[in-house]
């Protein structure tokens, strides 16, 4: 559905949300496999972009144990699809 133009407001060349866009600068999506402290986890959640020093909610790929970690310390898991 195309948006109708609003008088006095210029159309943005960039959409507010792009369904194909990865989450922020981290380049990871919910459900991706990531590595943290040498272990493989499933990314289950992220702090909002407005939060300084963002953290991620992780689930250990083998044990299912949940933890949180600084987003800056995560890496995409090797051989992750």
Protein backbone atom coordinates (compact mmCIF):
# COMPACT_ATOMS: atom_id res chain seq x y z
CA UNK A 1 0.00 0.00 0.00
CA UNK A 2 1.55 3.28 -1.09
CA UNK A 3 1.52 6.17 1.34
CA UNK A 4 -0.39 9.24 0.32
CA UNK A 5 1.66 12.44 0.15
CA UNK A 6 1.18 14.85 3.04
CA UNK A 7 1.22 18.55 2.12
CA UNK A 8 4.41 20.23 3.37
CA UNK A 9 6.25 16.97 4.12
CA UNK A 10 8.76 15.66 1.61
CA UNK A 11 8.86 11.93 0.94
CA UNK A 12 11.87 10.12 2.41
CA UNK A 13 14.15 8.30 -0.03
CA UNK A 14 14.83 5.71 2.69
CA UNK A 15 12.03 3.59 4.14
CA UNK A 16 11.70 3.60 7.93
CA UNK A 17 11.79 -0.18 8.03
CA UNK A 18 13.28 -2.53 5.48
CA UNK A 19 12.20 -6.14 6.09
CA UNK A 20 15.43 -7.44 4.58
CA UNK A 21 17.67 -5.31 6.79
CA UNK A 22 19.81 -7.01 9.41
CA UNK A 23 19.60 -5.80 13.01
CA UNK A 24 21.61 -2.61 13.33
CA UNK A 25 25.33 -2.57 12.80
CA UNK A 26 25.80 -5.93 14.47
CA UNK A 27 24.81 -7.74 11.24
CA UNK A 28 22.95 -10.47 13.14
CA UNK A 29 19.29 -11.45 13.33
CA UNK A 30 17.27 -13.09 16.07
CA UNK A 31 17.77 -16.85 15.70
CA UNK A 32 21.29 -16.60 14.26
CA UNK A 33 24.08 -18.71 15.72
CA UNK A 34 26.76 -16.60 17.41
CA UNK A 35 29.99 -17.24 19.28
CA UNK A 36 30.56 -15.81 22.76
CA UNK A 37 33.54 -16.78 24.94
CA UNK A 38 34.32 -19.67 22.60
CA UNK A 39 30.84 -21.22 22.90
CA UNK A 40 28.01 -21.33 20.35
CA UNK A 41 24.73 -19.64 21.24
CA UNK A 42 21.45 -18.76 19.54
CA UNK A 43 20.70 -15.04 19.52
CA UNK A 44 17.29 -14.67 21.24
CA UNK A 45 17.02 -10.91 21.82
CA UNK A 46 18.70 -7.52 21.72
CA UNK A 47 18.51 -4.28 23.67
CA UNK A 48 16.93 -1.44 21.66
CA UNK A 49 19.26 0.60 19.45
CA UNK A 50 18.80 3.60 21.78
CA UNK A 51 20.43 1.79 24.71
CA UNK A 52 24.13 2.56 25.20
CA UNK A 53 26.34 -0.52 25.55
CA UNK A 54 23.70 -2.84 24.11
CA UNK A 55 23.40 -6.40 25.37
CA UNK A 56 22.08 -9.55 23.76
CA UNK A 57 20.01 -12.39 25.19
CA UNK A 58 21.62 -15.72 24.28
CA UNK A 59 20.63 -19.37 24.54
CA UNK A 60 23.41 -21.95 24.65
CA UNK A 61 23.13 -24.12 21.53
CA UNK A 62 23.70 -27.40 23.43
CA UNK A 63 22.39 -26.87 26.96
CA UNK A 64 19.61 -24.34 26.36
CA UNK A 65 20.91 -22.22 29.25
CA UNK A 66 20.10 -18.53 28.82
CA UNK A 67 22.45 -15.64 29.55
CA UNK A 68 23.10 -12.11 28.41
CA UNK A 69 26.27 -10.69 26.92
CA UNK A 70 27.63 -7.40 25.58
CA UNK A 71 26.66 -7.14 21.93
CA UNK A 72 30.18 -5.97 21.02
CA UNK A 73 31.61 -9.32 22.19
CA UNK A 74 29.50 -11.50 19.86
CA UNK A 75 30.66 -12.86 16.52
CA UNK A 76 28.76 -14.81 13.89
CA UNK A 77 29.35 -18.52 14.49
CA UNK A 78 31.66 -20.23 11.98
CA UNK A 79 29.78 -22.19 9.33
CA UNK A 80 26.51 -20.50 10.37
CA UNK A 81 24.02 -20.44 7.50
